[in-house]
C-alpha cells in the first residue's frame, strides 16, 4: 500500500516480494503506473469520509458480534454461503480496535454487516469495510453500519473506500469523497 503521493511505481514494486505468481498493490493516491511491471488494475475506487456527529444516530438492530458462532453466521451472510467467510477468524473478535458489526432480523438471521476498525496508522478515524446487505438494499447497510461504528467509537469520522453501488449508497448516507485509489494485481 502506498502511503506517499510522491511514490513511484519502481519504489512500490521494489518493496514487494514478486516471487509468488500473484502480488497486489493498493495505490492509495491513484498515481502509479504499474503496467510495465506486469500489473493490471483490479479496481478503482474513491476514498470516502463521514464527519463525526455530535450525537450519533441510533442504529436499531445493530450490534457487535461477540462470539465465534456469531462470527460464523456473519461470515456466511457476508459471502452468501460461498465459503469465503472462513477468512474471518475468531481471533478477530479479541482485537480491541476491531468491531465486527451486524444487523439481525426478528428471526435472528444476519441481514447486514460491516467491519469497523480504529487504526494505529491513521489515528483519529474509524475505518469501515466489508459493508454488506444479505437482504434488502445497500442503503440500509450504509445507514446502519456507520451509525453502529459511531456508537462504538463516538466522536470520530468514519472512513473507507468504495466503488459502484456501494459508493452510491455511502454517498446517499452522508459520506463525501476524498480522492481516488486503485488496486493493482499481477496474476
Protein backbone atom coordinates (compact mmCIF):
# COMPACT_ATOMS: atom_id res chain seq x y z
CA UNK A 1 0.00 0.00 0.00
CA UNK A 2 1.37 3.40 -0.90
CA UNK A 3 1.41 5.98 1.87
CA UNK A 4 3.09 8.80 -0.04
CA UNK A 5 1.55 10.50 -3.09
CA UNK A 6 5.07 11.12 -4.42
CA UNK A 7 5.89 7.37 -4.51
CA UNK A 8 6.90 5.94 -7.86
CA UNK A 9 5.93 2.67 -9.45
CA UNK A 10 9.54 1.47 -9.17
CA UNK A 11 9.55 2.19 -5.43
CA UNK A 12 6.27 0.34 -4.91
CA UNK A 13 7.33 -2.72 -6.91
CA UNK A 14 10.76 -2.71 -5.25
CA UNK A 15 9.17 -3.12 -1.81
CA UNK A 16 7.14 -6.27 -2.51
CA UNK A 17 8.06 -9.90 -2.93
CA UNK A 18 7.46 -10.77 -6.57
CA UNK A 19 8.44 -14.44 -6.43
CA UNK A 20 4.87 -15.67 -5.98
CA UNK A 21 2.81 -15.61 -9.14
CA UNK A 22 0.31 -13.23 -7.55
CA UNK A 23 1.04 -9.86 -5.97
CA UNK A 24 -1.02 -6.74 -5.39
CA UNK A 25 -0.51 -3.05 -4.64
CA UNK A 26 -3.07 -0.62 -3.20
CA UNK A 27 -2.19 2.68 -4.88
CA UNK A 28 -3.72 4.94 -2.24
CA UNK A 29 -3.47 8.03 -4.46
CA UNK A 30 -4.17 6.51 -7.91
CA UNK A 31 -0.88 7.91 -9.16
CA UNK A 32 1.18 4.84 -10.12
CA UNK A 33 1.56 3.11 -13.48
CA UNK A 34 2.49 -0.49 -12.74
CA UNK A 35 1.62 -1.93 -16.15
CA UNK A 36 5.31 -2.10 -17.10
CA UNK A 37 5.93 -4.40 -14.12
CA UNK A 38 3.22 -6.82 -15.26
CA UNK A 39 0.39 -5.48 -13.10
CA UNK A 40 -3.17 -4.77 -14.23
CA UNK A 41 -5.79 -2.65 -12.46
CA UNK A 42 -8.11 -4.83 -10.38
CA UNK A 43 -10.46 -1.96 -9.49
CA UNK A 44 -10.63 1.78 -8.96
CA UNK A 45 -12.45 3.34 -6.03
CA UNK A 46 -12.94 6.53 -4.07
CA UNK A 47 -11.78 7.25 -0.54
CA UNK A 48 -14.83 8.28 1.49
CA UNK A 49 -15.41 10.07 4.80
CA UNK A 50 -18.36 10.93 7.01
CA UNK A 51 -17.80 13.59 9.65
CA UNK A 52 -18.47 12.68 13.27
CA UNK A 53 -21.87 13.55 14.60
CA UNK A 54 -22.37 15.33 17.91
CA UNK A 55 -24.99 12.76 18.80
CA UNK A 56 -24.55 9.51 16.87
CA UNK A 57 -27.64 8.32 15.07
CA UNK A 58 -29.43 5.33 16.55
CA UNK A 59 -28.57 2.01 14.95
CA UNK A 60 -31.62 -0.13 15.69
CA UNK A 61 -31.00 -3.83 15.29
CA UNK A 62 -27.20 -3.38 15.05
CA UNK A 63 -24.72 -4.90 17.49
CA UNK A 64 -21.14 -6.08 17.75
CA UNK A 65 -20.55 -9.78 17.03
CA UNK A 66 -19.44 -11.32 20.32
CA UNK A 67 -18.51 -14.95 19.72
CA UNK A 68 -17.23 -17.46 17.17
CA UNK A 69 -20.71 -18.76 16.39
CA UNK A 70 -21.95 -15.24 15.69
CA UNK A 71 -18.90 -14.56 13.51
CA UNK A 72 -19.58 -17.74 11.50
CA UNK A 73 -23.18 -16.59 10.90
CA UNK A 74 -21.93 -13.10 9.96
CA UNK A 75 -19.35 -14.54 7.55
CA UNK A 76 -21.91 -16.83 5.89
CA UNK A 77 -24.21 -13.85 5.32
CA UNK A 78 -21.27 -11.72 4.09
CA UNK A 79 -20.24 -14.19 1.39
CA UNK A 80 -23.71 -15.51 0.56
CA UNK A 81 -22.73 -19.03 1.64
CA UNK A 82 -19.92 -19.37 -0.93
CA UNK A 83 -17.32 -20.49 1.63
CA UNK A 84 -15.04 -17.46 1.56
CA UNK A 85 -16.13 -16.37 5.02
CA UNK A 86 -13.52 -18.59 6.64
CA UNK A 87 -11.02 -15.76 6.15
CA UNK A 88 -12.65 -14.11 9.18
CA UNK A 89 -11.07 -15.97 12.11
CA UNK A 90 -12.47 -15.96 15.66
CA UNK A 91 -9.27 -14.25 16.93
CA UNK A 92 -10.50 -11.13 15.15
CA UNK A 93 -13.06 -10.73 17.94
CA UNK A 94 -10.25 -10.40 20.52
CA UNK A 95 -8.80 -7.31 18.83
CA UNK A 96 -9.66 -4.17 20.83
CA UNK A 97 -9.55 -1.93 17.76
CA UNK A 98 -11.84 -4.06 15.58
CA UNK A 99 -15.61 -4.43 15.80
CA UNK A 100 -17.47 -6.82 13.53
CA UNK A 101 -20.89 -5.19 13.22
CA UNK A 102 -24.12 -6.98 12.44
CA UNK A 103 -27.81 -6.31 11.93
CA UNK A 104 -30.18 -9.18 12.59
CA UNK A 105 -33.81 -9.58 11.67
CA UNK A 106 -36.62 -10.63 14.02
CA UNK A 107 -35.72 -14.28 13.50
CA UNK A 108 -32.08 -13.76 14.45
CA UNK A 109 -30.63 -14.01 10.93
CA UNK A 110 -27.76 -11.71 9.98
CA UNK A 111 -29.14 -9.40 7.28
CA UNK A 112 -26.37 -6.79 7.09
CA UNK A 113 -22.93 -6.15 8.45
CA UNK A 114 -19.55 -4.46 8.28
CA UNK A 115 -16.14 -4.40 9.91
CA UNK A 116 -15.08 -1.25 11.78
CA UNK A 117 -11.56 -0.59 12.97
CA UNK A 118 -9.50 2.08 14.66
CA UNK A 119 -6.12 2.13 13.02
CA UNK A 120 -2.86 2.95 14.74
CA UNK A 121 -1.56 4.05 11.31
CA UNK A 122 -4.30 6.64 10.86
CA UNK A 123 -5.17 7.96 14.31
CA UNK A 124 -8.46 9.62 15.00
CA UNK A 125 -10.67 7.81 12.47
CA UNK A 126 -12.76 4.66 12.26
CA UNK A 127 -12.27 2.60 9.11
CA UNK A 128 -15.31 0.84 7.69
CA UNK A 129 -15.04 -2.10 5.29
CA UNK A 130 -16.88 -5.21 4.14
CA UNK A 131 -20.24 -3.45 4.29
CA UNK A 132 -22.94 -5.78 3.00
CA UNK A 133 -26.67 -6.37 2.90
CA UNK A 134 -27.71 -10.01 2.72
CA UNK A 135 -31.33 -8.92 2.42
CA UNK A 136 -32.73 -5.56 1.47
CA UNK A 137 -30.83 -2.71 -0.05
CA UNK A 138 -27.33 -1.46 0.48
CA UNK A 139 -28.82 1.82 1.67
CA UNK A 140 -29.97 0.18 4.90
CA UNK A 141 -26.49 -1.28 5.46
CA UNK A 142 -24.82 2.07 4.74
CA UNK A 143 -27.23 3.82 7.11
CA UNK A 144 -26.79 1.35 9.96
CA UNK A 145 -23.12 0.33 9.82
CA UNK A 146 -21.62 3.83 10.17
CA UNK A 147 -24.12 4.64 12.92
CA UNK A 148 -23.16 1.45 14.78
CA UNK A 149 -19.46 2.26 14.36
CA UNK A 150 -20.03 5.81 15.64
CA UNK A 151 -21.88 4.48 18.69
CA UNK A 152 -18.99 2.10 19.38
CA UNK A 153 -16.32 4.81 18.92
CA UNK A 154 -18.10 8.18 19.25
CA UNK A 155 -16.67 11.45 18.04
CA UNK A 156 -14.53 10.03 15.22
CA UNK A 157 -15.01 10.41 11.48
CA UNK A 158 -15.81 7.19 9.60
CA UNK A 159 -13.66 6.49 6.52
CA UNK A 160 -13.22 3.81 3.89
CA UNK A 161 -13.09 3.30 0.15
CA UNK A 162 -15.79 2.11 -2.19
CA UNK A 163 -16.88 1.95 -5.81
CA UNK A 164 -20.02 1.11 -7.76
CA UNK A 165 -23.28 0.57 -5.89
CA UNK A 166 -21.54 0.72 -2.51
CA UNK A 167 -20.11 4.14 -3.30
CA UNK A 168 -23.54 5.38 -4.40
CA UNK A 169 -25.13 4.04 -1.20
CA UNK A 170 -22.41 5.57 1.01
CA UNK A 171 -22.78 8.97 -0.66
CA UNK A 172 -26.55 8.81 -0.22
CA UNK A 173 -25.97 8.26 3.53
CA UNK A 174 -23.84 11.37 4.03
CA UNK A 175 -20.33 10.31 3.04
CA UNK A 176 -18.15 12.59 0.93
CA UNK A 177 -15.36 11.58 -1.44
CA UNK A 178 -11.74 12.47 -0.69
CA UNK A 179 -9.98 11.20 -3.80
CA UNK A 180 -9.30 8.16 -5.96
CA UNK A 181 -7.35 4.98 -5.35
CA UNK A 182 -6.54 1.96 -7.48
CA UNK A 183 -5.69 -1.63 -6.64
CA UNK A 184 -3.24 -3.33 -8.99
CA UNK A 185 -2.72 -7.08 -9.29
CA UNK A 186 -0.23 -9.31 -11.01
CA UNK A 187 -1.53 -12.82 -11.70
